[in-house]
Amino acid sequence: MLSVEWTASQGWLAPRITPYQNLSLDPATCVFHYGFECFEGMKAYKNNEGQVRLFRPDKNAARLNKSSARIALPNFSPTAFVDLLSRFVAMEERFIPAARGYSLYLRPTMIGTQRTLGIGPPGSALLFIIASPVGPYFPTGFRAVSLEATDYAVRAWPGGVGDMKLGANYAPCIVPQLQAAKRGFHQNLWLFGEEEFVTEVGTMNFFAAIRDKETGKKRLMTAPLDGTILEGVIRDSVLDLARERLVPEGWEVEEKKFTMGELANAADEGRLIEAFGTGTAGVVSPVRKISWKGRLVDCGLEKGSEAGDVTKRMKDWIEGIQYGDEEHPWSLKI
């Protein structure tokens, strides 16, 4: 594991790479009591030729700083972050499987470590990175999921911290997820407000592809970054690739608010082409149905099909960059 300590008086101390070990923290450490914790999720990839790569690590560095600043933890130089992460991955290279779908999952985490029950900015902090080999997100093959539209619990709200990657955002979502699972659904589709705006799916960003009612044009849309939506690295990548590669084919790409009612109407009128979630774990996750107000909204997949055309193309494009099939500025060679 890699670790770097920080104190208010000395700043960041020398980084250390040590064997994986337990942390020794006083029971009064502020992270236990007031949630001074943020993290990132990212992966290192190895192709058949043994070349190791990171995918857009600068985006993770920027988001980690945004999260840490929001909870009074120190920022860390993005350049130094990527450099240290690269060195760490190079040392752990033997744990990265050289097969498509496999990778080394990386978990950078920052916590407040001051020993105090007083509430205030922590006077000390710790940045550490741990890693673990992981296999395919869909071990039995690409599978579409079913969602439960959730309005009885709220994931994020305006002025809150839904756009930050804080541990405190995740624990409150577990009970609604378990309740959805009991009713036979894989994840929650988080709705917000009386209008029932579609926000995120589980811990992923959400995309819908529809055909415009007036013009007949195909449109790929996702919720805008209004402070309630996490700035997903894969979300950003999908938007960029869509603008570069789908727009020339006649698609429109929009970051806009849309409601569950609009989505259901599009489905009823045969205009909902497909829907999918995006995230580091599975890149894209196709959606088959959404339970809403006692009905199942069909998300456009044909019987026997597990993913729509855009979903499959995005998966292929992004994984191609991640594993080096396509040389791209987003892929950092180690």
C-alpha atoms as a PDB file:
ATOM      1  CA  MET A   1       0.000   0.000   0.000  1.00  0.00           C
ATOM      2  CA  LEU A   2       1.034   3.581  -0.570  1.00  0.00           C
ATOM      3  CA  SER A   3       0.531   6.164   2.156  1.00  0.00           C
ATOM      4  CA  VAL A   4       1.275   9.864   2.646  1.00  0.00           C
ATOM      5  CA  GLU A   5       0.698  11.719   5.912  1.00  0.00           C
ATOM      6  CA  TRP A   6      -0.222  15.397   6.201  1.00  0.00           C
ATOM      7  CA  THR A   7      -0.151  17.830   9.102  1.00  0.00           C
ATOM      8  CA  ALA A   8      -1.297  21.427   9.210  1.00  0.00           C
ATOM      9  CA  SER A   9       2.140  22.544  10.398  1.00  0.00           C
ATOM     10  CA  GLN A  10       4.335  20.518   8.013  1.00  0.00           C
ATOM     11  CA  GLY A  11       2.140  19.870   5.001  1.00  0.00           C
ATOM     12  CA  TRP A  12       2.544  16.594   3.109  1.00  0.00           C
ATOM     13  CA  LEU A  13       5.317  14.338   4.418  1.00  0.00           C
ATOM     14  CA  ALA A  14       7.365  11.836   2.419  1.00  0.00           C
ATOM     15  CA  PRO A  15       5.273   9.122   0.711  1.00  0.00           C
ATOM     16  CA  ARG A  16       5.856   5.495   1.656  1.00  0.00           C
ATOM     17  CA  ILE A  17       5.117   2.207  -0.081  1.00  0.00           C
ATOM     18  CA  THR A  18       4.853  -0.564   2.509  1.00  0.00           C
ATOM     19  CA  PRO A  19       3.396  -4.059   2.792  1.00  0.00           C
ATOM     20  CA  TYR A  20      -0.395  -4.054   3.163  1.00  0.00           C
ATOM     21  CA  GLN A  21      -1.139  -3.534   6.857  1.00  0.00           C
ATOM     22  CA  ASN A  22      -3.713  -2.368   9.368  1.00  0.00           C
ATOM     23  CA  LEU A  23      -4.011   1.301  10.268  1.00  0.00           C
ATOM     24  CA  SER A  24      -3.522   2.220  13.916  1.00  0.00           C
ATOM     25  CA  LEU A  25      -5.927   5.021  14.881  1.00  0.00           C
ATOM     26  CA  ASP A  26      -7.021   6.445  18.207  1.00  0.00           C
ATOM     27  CA  PRO A  27     -10.726   5.827  19.016  1.00  0.00           C
ATOM     28  CA  ALA A  28     -11.179   9.607  19.101  1.00  0.00           C
ATOM     29  CA  THR A  29      -9.877  10.052  15.537  1.00  0.00           C
ATOM     30  CA  CYS A  30     -12.185  12.474  13.752  1.00  0.00           C
ATOM     31  CA  VAL A  31     -12.859  10.209  10.753  1.00  0.00           C
ATOM     32  CA  PHE A  32     -14.802   7.847  13.047  1.00  0.00           C
ATOM     33  CA  HIS A  33     -17.072  10.529  14.432  1.00  0.00           C
ATOM     34  CA  TYR A  34     -17.635  13.161  11.762  1.00  0.00           C
ATOM     35  CA  GLY A  35     -17.086  11.413   8.436  1.00  0.00           C
ATOM     36  CA  PHE A  36     -13.891  13.099   7.259  1.00  0.00           C
ATOM     37  CA  GLU A  37     -13.381  10.626   4.397  1.00  0.00           C
ATOM     38  CA  CYS A  38     -13.357  10.699   0.612  1.00  0.00           C
ATOM     39  CA  PHE A  39     -12.109   8.222  -1.958  1.00  0.00           C
ATOM     40  CA  GLU A  40     -11.661   7.371  -5.618  1.00  0.00           C
ATOM     41  CA  GLY A  41     -12.190   4.236  -7.687  1.00  0.00           C
ATOM     42  CA  MET A  42      -9.971   3.511 -10.671  1.00  0.00           C
ATOM     43  CA  LYS A  43      -8.219   0.650 -12.441  1.00  0.00           C
ATOM     44  CA  ALA A  44      -4.920  -0.348 -14.025  1.00  0.00           C
ATOM     45  CA  TYR A  45      -5.132  -2.477 -17.178  1.00  0.00           C
ATOM     46  CA  LYS A  46      -2.708  -4.852 -18.879  1.00  0.00           C
ATOM     47  CA  ASN A  47      -2.997  -6.012 -22.478  1.00  0.00           C
ATOM     48  CA  ASN A  48      -1.787  -9.293 -23.982  1.00  0.00           C
ATOM     49  CA  GLU A  49       1.624  -7.759 -24.653  1.00  0.00           C
ATOM     50  CA  GLY A  50       2.104  -6.899 -20.976  1.00  0.00           C
ATOM     51  CA  GLN A  51       1.686  -3.138 -21.393  1.00  0.00           C
ATOM     52  CA  VAL A  52       0.149  -1.552 -18.269  1.00  0.00           C
ATOM     53  CA  ARG A  53      -2.078   1.505 -18.515  1.00  0.00           C
ATOM     54  CA  LEU A  54      -4.176   3.855 -16.391  1.00  0.00           C
ATOM     55  CA  PHE A  55      -7.373   5.441 -17.706  1.00  0.00           C
ATOM     56  CA  ARG A  56      -7.680   9.213 -17.252  1.00  0.00           C
ATOM     57  CA  PRO A  57      -6.019   9.340 -13.800  1.00  0.00           C
ATOM     58  CA  ASP A  58      -5.939  13.144 -13.985  1.00  0.00           C
ATOM     59  CA  LYS A  59      -9.739  13.147 -13.742  1.00  0.00           C
ATOM     60  CA  ASN A  60      -9.627  11.086 -10.544  1.00  0.00           C
ATOM     61  CA  ALA A  61      -6.968  13.378  -9.080  1.00  0.00           C
ATOM     62  CA  ALA A  62      -9.116  16.440  -9.765  1.00  0.00           C
ATOM     63  CA  ARG A  63     -12.231  14.837  -8.298  1.00  0.00           C
ATOM     64  CA  LEU A  64     -10.370  13.691  -5.186  1.00  0.00           C
ATOM     65  CA  ASN A  65      -9.267  17.284  -4.590  1.00  0.00           C
ATOM     66  CA  LYS A  66     -12.796  18.573  -5.091  1.00  0.00           C
ATOM     67  CA  SER A  67     -14.122  16.034  -2.578  1.00  0.00           C
ATOM     68  CA  SER A  68     -11.396  16.653   0.002  1.00  0.00           C
ATOM     69  CA  ALA A  69     -11.818  20.439  -0.197  1.00  0.00           C
ATOM     70  CA  ARG A  70     -15.541  20.103   0.525  1.00  0.00           C
ATOM     71  CA  ILE A  71     -14.889  18.346   3.839  1.00  0.00           C
ATOM     72  CA  ALA A  72     -11.933  20.487   5.003  1.00  0.00           C
ATOM     73  CA  LEU A  73      -9.249  17.962   4.071  1.00  0.00           C
ATOM     74  CA  PRO A  74      -6.087  19.064   2.225  1.00  0.00           C
ATOM     75  CA  ASN A  75      -5.592  18.987  -1.535  1.00  0.00           C
ATOM     76  CA  PHE A  76      -2.827  16.916  -3.091  1.00  0.00           C
ATOM     77  CA  SER A  77      -0.857  17.904  -6.188  1.00  0.00           C
ATOM     78  CA  PRO A  78      -2.561  16.214  -9.189  1.00  0.00           C
ATOM     79  CA  THR A  79       0.791  15.751 -10.909  1.00  0.00           C
ATOM     80  CA  ALA A  80       2.320  14.156  -7.814  1.00  0.00           C
ATOM     81  CA  PHE A  81      -0.787  11.984  -7.383  1.00  0.00           C
ATOM     82  CA  VAL A  82      -0.502  10.544 -10.884  1.00  0.00           C
ATOM     83  CA  ASP A  83       3.260  10.079 -10.505  1.00  0.00           C
ATOM     84  CA  LEU A  84       2.958   8.236  -7.179  1.00  0.00           C
ATOM     85  CA  LEU A  85       0.065   6.150  -8.450  1.00  0.00           C
ATOM     86  CA  SER A  86       2.090   5.173 -11.518  1.00  0.00           C
ATOM     87  CA  ARG A  87       5.046   4.116  -9.378  1.00  0.00           C
ATOM     88  CA  PHE A  88       2.776   2.111  -7.098  1.00  0.00           C
ATOM     89  CA  VAL A  89       1.113   0.350 -10.048  1.00  0.00           C
ATOM     90  CA  ALA A  90       4.523  -0.424 -11.572  1.00  0.00           C
ATOM     91  CA  MET A  91       5.537  -2.142  -8.312  1.00  0.00           C
ATOM     92  CA  GLU A  92       2.273  -4.138  -8.214  1.00  0.00           C
ATOM     93  CA  GLU A  93       2.340  -4.991 -11.926  1.00  0.00           C
ATOM     94  CA  ARG A  94       2.543  -8.730 -11.239  1.00  0.00           C
ATOM     95  CA  PHE A  95      -0.968  -8.625  -9.745  1.00  0.00           C
ATOM     96  CA  ILE A  96      -2.586  -7.260 -12.911  1.00  0.00           C
ATOM     97  CA  PRO A  97      -4.108 -10.096 -14.985  1.00  0.00           C
ATOM     98  CA  ALA A  98      -3.255  -9.844 -18.686  1.00  0.00           C
ATOM     99  CA  ALA A  99      -6.751 -10.648 -19.939  1.00  0.00           C
ATOM    100  CA  ARG A 100      -9.654  -8.598 -21.270  1.00  0.00           C
ATOM    101  CA  GLY A 101     -12.142  -7.776 -18.534  1.00  0.00           C
ATOM    102  CA  TYR A 102      -9.551  -8.153 -15.778  1.00  0.00           C
ATOM    103  CA  SER A 103      -7.702  -5.325 -14.053  1.00  0.00           C
ATOM    104  CA  LEU A 104      -6.149  -4.075 -10.830  1.00  0.00           C
ATOM    105  CA  TYR A 105      -8.693  -2.061  -8.882  1.00  0.00           C
ATOM    106  CA  LEU A 106      -7.171   0.971  -7.138  1.00  0.00           C
ATOM    107  CA  ARG A 107      -8.744   2.685  -4.143  1.00  0.00           C
ATOM    108  CA  PRO A 108      -7.152   6.040  -3.186  1.00  0.00           C
ATOM    109  CA  THR A 109      -8.637   7.211   0.117  1.00  0.00           C
ATOM    110  CA  MET A 110      -8.139  10.300   2.249  1.00  0.00           C
ATOM    111  CA  ILE A 111      -9.168  10.497   5.910  1.00  0.00           C
ATOM    112  CA  GLY A 112      -8.914  13.012   8.718  1.00  0.00           C
ATOM    113  CA  THR A 113      -6.683  11.600  11.453  1.00  0.00           C
ATOM    114  CA  GLN A 114      -6.693  14.241  14.189  1.00  0.00           C
ATOM    115  CA  ARG A 115      -7.477  12.824  17.621  1.00  0.00           C
ATOM    116  CA  THR A 116     -10.294  15.030  18.816  1.00  0.00           C
ATOM    117  CA  LEU A 117     -14.002  15.015  19.549  1.00  0.00           C
ATOM    118  CA  GLY A 118     -14.131  18.712  18.771  1.00  0.00           C
ATOM    119  CA  ILE A 119     -15.704  19.638  15.438  1.00  0.00           C
ATOM    120  CA  GLY A 120     -13.379  21.584  13.156  1.00  0.00           C
ATOM    121  CA  PRO A 121     -10.944  21.225  10.262  1.00  0.00           C
ATOM    122  CA  PRO A 122      -8.663  18.229  10.902  1.00  0.00           C
ATOM    123  CA  GLY A 123      -5.101  19.157  11.790  1.00  0.00           C
ATOM    124  CA  SER A 124      -3.791  15.916  10.292  1.00  0.00           C
ATOM    125  CA  ALA A 125      -4.789  13.601   7.470  1.00  0.00           C
ATOM    126  CA  LEU A 126      -3.731  10.445   5.657  1.00  0.00           C
ATOM    127  CA  LEU A 127      -3.861   9.627   1.948  1.00  0.00           C
ATOM    128  CA  PHE A 128      -3.474   5.941   1.206  1.00  0.00           C
ATOM    129  CA  ILE A 129      -3.918   3.709  -1.827  1.00  0.00           C
ATOM    130  CA  ILE A 130      -4.731   0.009  -1.743  1.00  0.00           C
ATOM    131  CA  ALA A 131      -5.237  -2.358  -4.668  1.00  0.00           C
ATOM    132  CA  SER A 132      -6.852  -5.669  -5.573  1.00  0.00           C
ATOM    133  CA  PRO A 133      -7.080  -7.752  -8.761  1.00  0.00           C
ATOM    134  CA  VAL A 134     -10.653  -7.886 -10.095  1.00  0.00           C
ATOM    135  CA  GLY A 135     -12.404  -9.901 -12.770  1.00  0.00           C
ATOM    136  CA  PRO A 136     -15.180  -9.057 -15.225  1.00  0.00           C
ATOM    137  CA  TYR A 137     -18.100  -7.044 -13.828  1.00  0.00           C
ATOM    138  CA  PHE A 138     -20.434  -9.442 -15.678  1.00  0.00           C
ATOM    139  CA  PRO A 139     -18.763 -12.827 -14.984  1.00  0.00           C
ATOM    140  CA  THR A 140     -21.475 -14.770 -16.851  1.00  0.00           C
ATOM    141  CA  GLY A 141     -21.622 -12.335 -19.763  1.00  0.00           C
ATOM    142  CA  PHE A 142     -23.079  -8.923 -20.518  1.00  0.00           C
ATOM    143  CA  ARG A 143     -26.468  -8.849 -18.718  1.00  0.00           C
ATOM    144  CA  ALA A 144     -29.161  -6.191 -18.658  1.00  0.00           C
ATOM    145  CA  VAL A 145     -30.449  -5.182 -15.211  1.00  0.00           C
ATOM    146  CA  SER A 146     -33.868  -4.183 -13.902  1.00  0.00           C
ATOM    147  CA  LEU A 147     -34.296  -1.083 -11.735  1.00  0.00           C
ATOM    148  CA  GLU A 148     -36.753   0.188  -9.159  1.00  0.00           C
ATOM    149  CA  ALA A 149     -37.532   3.906  -9.508  1.00  0.00           C
ATOM    150  CA  THR A 150     -37.042   5.211  -5.974  1.00  0.00           C
ATOM    151  CA  ASP A 151     -38.847   8.283  -4.676  1.00  0.00           C
ATOM    152  CA  TYR A 152     -39.216   7.418  -0.978  1.00  0.00           C
ATOM    153  CA  ALA A 153     -35.485   7.971  -0.360  1.00  0.00           C
ATOM    154  CA  VAL A 154     -33.219  10.679  -1.759  1.00  0.00           C
ATOM    155  CA  ARG A 155     -29.590  10.098  -2.766  1.00  0.00           C
ATOM    156  CA  ALA A 156     -28.638  13.781  -3.125  1.00  0.00           C
ATOM    157  CA  TRP A 157     -30.180  17.244  -3.008  1.00  0.00           C
ATOM    158  CA  PRO A 158     -29.297  20.786  -4.190  1.00  0.00           C
ATOM    159  CA  GLY A 159     -26.632  22.385  -2.030  1.00  0.00           C
ATOM    160  CA  GLY A 160     -25.560  19.007  -0.684  1.00  0.00           C
ATOM    161  CA  VAL A 161     -22.579  16.800  -1.494  1.00  0.00           C
ATOM    162  CA  GLY A 162     -24.037  14.410  -4.067  1.00  0.00           C
ATOM    163  CA  ASP A 163     -21.399  15.488  -6.580  1.00  0.00           C
ATOM    164  CA  MET A 164     -18.561  14.489  -4.229  1.00  0.00           C
ATOM    165  CA  LYS A 165     -17.148  10.994  -3.760  1.00  0.00           C
ATOM    166  CA  LEU A 166     -17.609  10.818  -0.004  1.00  0.00           C
ATOM    167  CA  GLY A 167     -18.132   7.603   1.921  1.00  0.00           C
ATOM    168  CA  ALA A 168     -21.024   9.345   3.683  1.00  0.00           C
ATOM    169  CA  ASN A 169     -22.961   9.359   0.390  1.00  0.00           C
ATOM    170  CA  TYR A 170     -22.927   5.588   0.067  1.00  0.00           C
ATOM    171  CA  ALA A 171     -23.972   4.068   3.400  1.00  0.00           C
ATOM    172  CA  PRO A 172     -27.480   5.650   3.403  1.00  0.00           C
ATOM    173  CA  CYS A 173     -28.185   4.086  -0.004  1.00  0.00           C
ATOM    174  CA  ILE A 174     -27.714   0.492   1.163  1.00  0.00           C
ATOM    175  CA  VAL A 175     -31.123   0.033   2.833  1.00  0.00           C
ATOM    176  CA  PRO A 176     -33.111   1.246  -0.214  1.00  0.00           C
ATOM    177  CA  GLN A 177     -30.951  -1.039  -2.363  1.00  0.00           C
ATOM    178  CA  LEU A 178     -31.746  -4.014  -0.131  1.00  0.00           C
ATOM    179  CA  GLN A 179     -35.444  -3.150  -0.256  1.00  0.00           C
ATOM    180  CA  ALA A 180     -35.340  -3.004  -4.055  1.00  0.00           C
ATOM    181  CA  ALA A 181     -33.526  -6.349  -4.140  1.00  0.00           C
ATOM    182  CA  LYS A 182     -36.252  -7.948  -2.007  1.00  0.00           C
ATOM    183  CA  ARG A 183     -38.726  -6.898  -4.677  1.00  0.00           C
ATOM    184  CA  GLY A 184     -36.606  -8.488  -7.388  1.00  0.00           C
ATOM    185  CA  PHE A 185     -34.676  -5.506  -8.746  1.00  0.00           C
ATOM    186  CA  HIS A 186     -30.933  -5.118  -9.155  1.00  0.00           C
ATOM    187  CA  GLN A 187     -30.613  -1.445  -8.256  1.00  0.00           C
ATOM    188  CA  ASN A 188     -32.402   1.827  -7.491  1.00  0.00           C
ATOM    189  CA  LEU A 189     -33.072   4.505 -10.074  1.00  0.00           C
ATOM    190  CA  TRP A 190     -32.909   7.610  -7.901  1.00  0.00           C
ATOM    191  CA  LEU A 191     -35.667  10.158  -8.585  1.00  0.00           C
ATOM    192  CA  PHE A 192     -35.723  13.683  -7.188  1.00  0.00           C
ATOM    193  CA  GLY A 193     -38.470  16.166  -6.357  1.00  0.00           C
ATOM    194  CA  GLU A 194     -42.181  16.287  -7.105  1.00  0.00           C
ATOM    195  CA  GLU A 195     -41.294  16.269 -10.806  1.00  0.00           C
ATOM    196  CA  GLU A 196     -39.449  12.946 -10.306  1.00  0.00           C
ATOM    197  CA  PHE A 197     -36.315  13.972 -12.162  1.00  0.00           C
ATOM    198  CA  VAL A 198     -34.114  11.021 -13.119  1.00  0.00           C
ATOM    199  CA  THR A 199     -30.696  11.393 -11.468  1.00  0.00           C
ATOM    200  CA  GLU A 200     -28.476   8.316 -11.006  1.00  0.00           C
ATOM    201  CA  VAL A 201     -28.791   4.524 -10.955  1.00  0.00           C
ATOM    202  CA  GLY A 202     -27.326   2.835  -7.870  1.00  0.00           C
ATOM    203  CA  THR A 203     -23.777   4.186  -7.738  1.00  0.00           C
ATOM    204  CA  MET A 204     -23.643   4.922 -11.484  1.00  0.00           C
ATOM    205  CA  ASN A 205     -24.566   7.765 -13.792  1.00  0.00           C
ATOM    206  CA  PHE A 206     -27.592   7.124 -16.021  1.00  0.00           C
ATOM    207  CA  PHE A 207     -28.042   7.586 -19.779  1.00  0.00           C
ATOM    208  CA  ALA A 208     -31.144   7.232 -21.948  1.00  0.00           C
ATOM    209  CA  ALA A 209     -31.324   7.120 -25.737  1.00  0.00           C
ATOM    210  CA  ILE A 210     -34.640   8.294 -27.153  1.00  0.00           C
ATOM    211  CA  ARG A 211     -36.117   9.367 -30.469  1.00  0.00           C
ATOM    212  CA  ASP A 212     -37.386  12.968 -30.453  1.00  0.00           C
ATOM    213  CA  LYS A 213     -41.177  13.135 -30.751  1.00  0.00           C
ATOM    214  CA  GLU A 214     -41.155  16.131 -33.094  1.00  0.00           C
ATOM    215  CA  THR A 215     -38.065  15.663 -35.262  1.00  0.00           C
ATOM    216  CA  GLY A 216     -37.536  11.908 -35.060  1.00  0.00           C
ATOM    217  CA  LYS A 217     -33.848  12.518 -34.317  1.00  0.00           C
ATOM    218  CA  LYS A 218     -32.043  10.160 -31.975  1.00  0.00           C
ATOM    219  CA  ARG A 219     -30.878  11.772 -28.744  1.00  0.00           C
ATOM    220  CA  LEU A 220     -28.522  10.505 -26.020  1.00  0.00           C
ATOM    221  CA  MET A 221     -29.178  12.307 -22.752  1.00  0.00           C
ATOM    222  CA  THR A 222     -28.037  12.288 -19.141  1.00  0.00           C
ATOM    223  CA  ALA A 223     -28.723  14.479 -16.118  1.00  0.00           C
ATOM    224  CA  PRO A 224     -26.662  17.707 -15.929  1.00  0.00           C
ATOM    225  CA  LEU A 225     -23.988  18.392 -13.319  1.00  0.00           C
ATOM    226  CA  ASP A 226     -26.227  20.495 -11.076  1.00  0.00           C
ATOM    227  CA  GLY A 227     -24.536  19.606  -7.783  1.00  0.00           C
ATOM    228  CA  THR A 228     -26.540  16.414  -7.229  1.00  0.00           C
ATOM    229  CA  ILE A 229     -24.793  14.301  -9.876  1.00  0.00           C
ATOM    230  CA  LEU A 230     -21.374  12.689  -9.432  1.00  0.00           C
ATOM    231  CA  GLU A 231     -18.872  13.784 -12.087  1.00  0.00           C
ATOM    232  CA  GLY A 232     -18.206  10.264 -13.302  1.00  0.00           C
ATOM    233  CA  VAL A 233     -15.074   9.661 -15.341  1.00  0.00           C
ATOM    234  CA  ILE A 234     -16.915   7.161 -17.547  1.00  0.00           C
ATOM    235  CA  ARG A 235     -19.859   9.585 -17.800  1.00  0.00           C
ATOM    236  CA  ASP A 236     -17.544  12.261 -19.144  1.00  0.00           C
ATOM    237  CA  SER A 237     -15.925   9.767 -21.511  1.00  0.00           C
ATOM    238  CA  VAL A 238     -19.280   8.615 -22.898  1.00  0.00           C
ATOM    239  CA  LEU A 239     -20.334  12.217 -23.530  1.00  0.00           C
ATOM    240  CA  ASP A 240     -17.064  13.059 -25.281  1.00  0.00           C
ATOM    241  CA  LEU A 241     -17.137   9.930 -27.440  1.00  0.00           C
ATOM    242  CA  ALA A 242     -20.803  10.460 -28.294  1.00  0.00           C
ATOM    243  CA  ARG A 243     -20.120  14.020 -29.445  1.00  0.00           C
ATOM    244  CA  GLU A 244     -17.135  12.861 -31.468  1.00  0.00           C
ATOM    245  CA  ARG A 245     -18.556   9.670 -32.979  1.00  0.00           C
ATOM    246  CA  LEU A 246     -22.363   9.663 -32.727  1.00  0.00           C
ATOM    247  CA  VAL A 247     -23.141  13.276 -33.628  1.00  0.00           C
ATOM    248  CA  PRO A 248     -21.684  12.805 -37.146  1.00  0.00           C
ATOM    249  CA  GLU A 249     -24.189   9.942 -37.520  1.00  0.00           C
ATOM    250  CA  GLY A 250     -27.090  12.308 -36.791  1.00  0.00           C
ATOM    251  CA  TRP A 251     -27.378  11.888 -33.032  1.00  0.00           C
ATOM    252  CA  GLU A 252     -27.978  14.719 -30.596  1.00  0.00           C
ATOM    253  CA  VAL A 253     -26.187  14.633 -27.228  1.00  0.00           C
ATOM    254  CA  GLU A 254     -27.644  16.524 -24.278  1.00  0.00           C
ATOM    255  CA  GLU A 255     -27.008  17.055 -20.582  1.00  0.00           C
ATOM    256  CA  LYS A 256     -30.503  17.967 -19.448  1.00  0.00           C
ATOM    257  CA  LYS A 257     -33.044  17.338 -16.736  1.00  0.00           C
ATOM    258  CA  PHE A 258     -35.725  14.800 -17.639  1.00  0.00           C
ATOM    259  CA  THR A 259     -38.399  13.101 -15.596  1.00  0.00           C
ATOM    260  CA  MET A 260     -39.416   9.513 -15.088  1.00  0.00           C
ATOM    261  CA  GLY A 261     -42.747  10.439 -16.654  1.00  0.00           C
ATOM    262  CA  GLU A 262     -40.996  11.604 -19.835  1.00  0.00           C
ATOM    263  CA  LEU A 263     -39.030   8.367 -19.949  1.00  0.00           C
ATOM    264  CA  ALA A 264     -42.206   6.301 -19.498  1.00  0.00           C
ATOM    265  CA  ASN A 265     -44.032   8.271 -22.203  1.00  0.00           C
ATOM    266  CA  ALA A 266     -41.145   7.693 -24.603  1.00  0.00           C
ATOM    267  CA  ALA A 267     -41.305   3.973 -23.831  1.00  0.00           C
ATOM    268  CA  ASP A 268     -45.091   3.869 -24.350  1.00  0.00           C
ATOM    269  CA  GLU A 269     -44.709   5.581 -27.720  1.00  0.00           C
ATOM    270  CA  GLY A 270     -41.876   3.308 -28.834  1.00  0.00           C
ATOM    271  CA  ARG A 271     -39.344   6.151 -28.707  1.00  0.00           C
ATOM    272  CA  LEU A 272     -37.130   4.835 -25.873  1.00  0.00           C
ATOM    273  CA  ILE A 273     -34.283   3.169 -27.735  1.00  0.00           C
ATOM    274  CA  GLU A 274     -32.133   2.025 -24.808  1.00  0.00           C
ATOM    275  CA  ALA A 275     -30.838   2.993 -21.374  1.00  0.00           C
ATOM    276  CA  PHE A 276     -27.660   2.236 -19.451  1.00  0.00           C
ATOM    277  CA  GLY A 277     -25.639   3.132 -16.364  1.00  0.00           C
ATOM    278  CA  THR A 278     -21.965   4.086 -16.438  1.00  0.00           C
ATOM    279  CA  GLY A 279     -19.196   3.641 -13.884  1.00  0.00           C
ATOM    280  CA  THR A 280     -15.662   2.434 -13.292  1.00  0.00           C
ATOM    281  CA  ALA A 281     -16.702  -1.058 -12.202  1.00  0.00           C
ATOM    282  CA  GLY A 282     -18.568  -2.189 -15.318  1.00  0.00           C
ATOM    283  CA  VAL A 283     -17.993   0.687 -17.773  1.00  0.00           C
ATOM    284  CA  VAL A 284     -21.604   0.435 -18.983  1.00  0.00           C
ATOM    285  CA  SER A 285     -24.523  -1.509 -17.526  1.00  0.00           C
ATOM    286  CA  PRO A 286     -27.550  -2.004 -19.830  1.00  0.00           C
ATOM    287  CA  VAL A 287     -31.057  -1.570 -18.385  1.00  0.00           C
ATOM    288  CA  ARG A 288     -34.002  -3.769 -19.432  1.00  0.00           C
ATOM    289  CA  LYS A 289     -36.895  -2.543 -17.297  1.00  0.00           C
ATOM    290  CA  ILE A 290     -37.724   0.082 -14.667  1.00  0.00           C
ATOM    291  CA  SER A 291     -40.412  -0.449 -12.047  1.00  0.00           C
ATOM    292  CA  TRP A 292     -42.386   2.779 -11.573  1.00  0.00           C
ATOM    293  CA  LYS A 293     -45.792   3.438 -10.018  1.00  0.00           C
ATOM    294  CA  GLY A 294     -46.846  -0.192 -10.162  1.00  0.00           C
ATOM    295  CA  ARG A 295     -45.813  -0.784 -13.785  1.00  0.00           C
ATOM    296  CA  LEU A 296     -42.738  -1.938 -15.653  1.00  0.00           C
ATOM    297  CA  VAL A 297     -41.275   0.528 -18.134  1.00  0.00           C
ATOM    298  CA  ASP A 298     -39.633  -1.291 -21.028  1.00  0.00           C
ATOM    299  CA  CYS A 299     -36.264   0.261 -21.935  1.00  0.00           C
ATOM    300  CA  GLY A 300     -36.223  -0.790 -25.572  1.00  0.00           C
ATOM    301  CA  LEU A 301     -34.225  -4.030 -25.531  1.00  0.00           C
ATOM    302  CA  GLU A 302     -35.495  -6.735 -27.850  1.00  0.00           C
ATOM    303  CA  LYS A 303     -36.268 -10.125 -26.377  1.00  0.00           C
ATOM    304  CA  GLY A 304     -33.060 -12.123 -26.092  1.00  0.00           C
ATOM    305  CA  SER A 305     -30.874  -9.042 -26.365  1.00  0.00           C
ATOM    306  CA  GLU A 306     -28.816  -7.939 -23.368  1.00  0.00           C
ATOM    307  CA  ALA A 307     -27.623  -4.533 -24.606  1.00  0.00           C
ATOM    308  CA  GLY A 308     -28.502  -1.886 -27.160  1.00  0.00           C
ATOM    309  CA  ASP A 309     -26.265  -0.713 -29.989  1.00  0.00           C
ATOM    310  CA  VAL A 310     -25.022   2.458 -28.267  1.00  0.00           C
ATOM    311  CA  THR A 311     -24.334   0.569 -25.020  1.00  0.00           C
ATOM    312  CA  LYS A 312     -22.272  -2.057 -26.833  1.00  0.00           C
ATOM    313  CA  ARG A 313     -20.372   0.503 -28.890  1.00  0.00           C
ATOM    314  CA  MET A 314     -19.532   2.588 -25.830  1.00  0.00           C
ATOM    315  CA  LYS A 315     -18.289  -0.496 -24.010  1.00  0.00           C
ATOM    316  CA  ASP A 316     -16.110  -1.494 -26.967  1.00  0.00           C
ATOM    317  CA  TRP A 317     -14.773   2.034 -27.528  1.00  0.00           C
ATOM    318  CA  ILE A 318     -13.870   2.677 -23.893  1.00  0.00           C
ATOM    319  CA  GLU A 319     -12.409  -0.762 -23.222  1.00  0.00           C
ATOM    320  CA  GLY A 320     -10.441  -0.447 -26.439  1.00  0.00           C
ATOM    321  CA  ILE A 321      -8.823   2.694 -25.066  1.00  0.00           C
ATOM    322  CA  GLN A 322      -8.342   1.238 -21.587  1.00  0.00           C
ATOM    323  CA  TYR A 323      -6.503  -1.848 -22.875  1.00  0.00           C
ATOM    324  CA  GLY A 324      -4.572  -0.008 -25.587  1.00  0.00           C
ATOM    325  CA  ASP A 325      -6.314  -1.409 -28.676  1.00  0.00           C
ATOM    326  CA  GLU A 326      -6.805   2.225 -29.650  1.00  0.00           C
ATOM    327  CA  GLU A 327      -4.028   4.670 -28.867  1.00  0.00           C
ATOM    328  CA  HIS A 328      -5.670   7.641 -27.169  1.00  0.00           C
ATOM    329  CA  PRO A 329      -4.635  10.553 -24.907  1.00  0.00           C
ATOM    330  CA  TRP A 330      -6.879   9.167 -22.164  1.00  0.00           C
ATOM    331  CA  SER A 331      -4.676   6.076 -21.806  1.00  0.00           C
ATOM    332  CA  LEU A 332      -1.527   6.604 -19.716  1.00  0.00           C
ATOM    333  CA  LYS A 333       1.198   4.029 -20.257  1.00  0.00           C
ATOM    334  CA  ILE A 334       3.080   2.961 -17.123  1.00  0.00           C
END
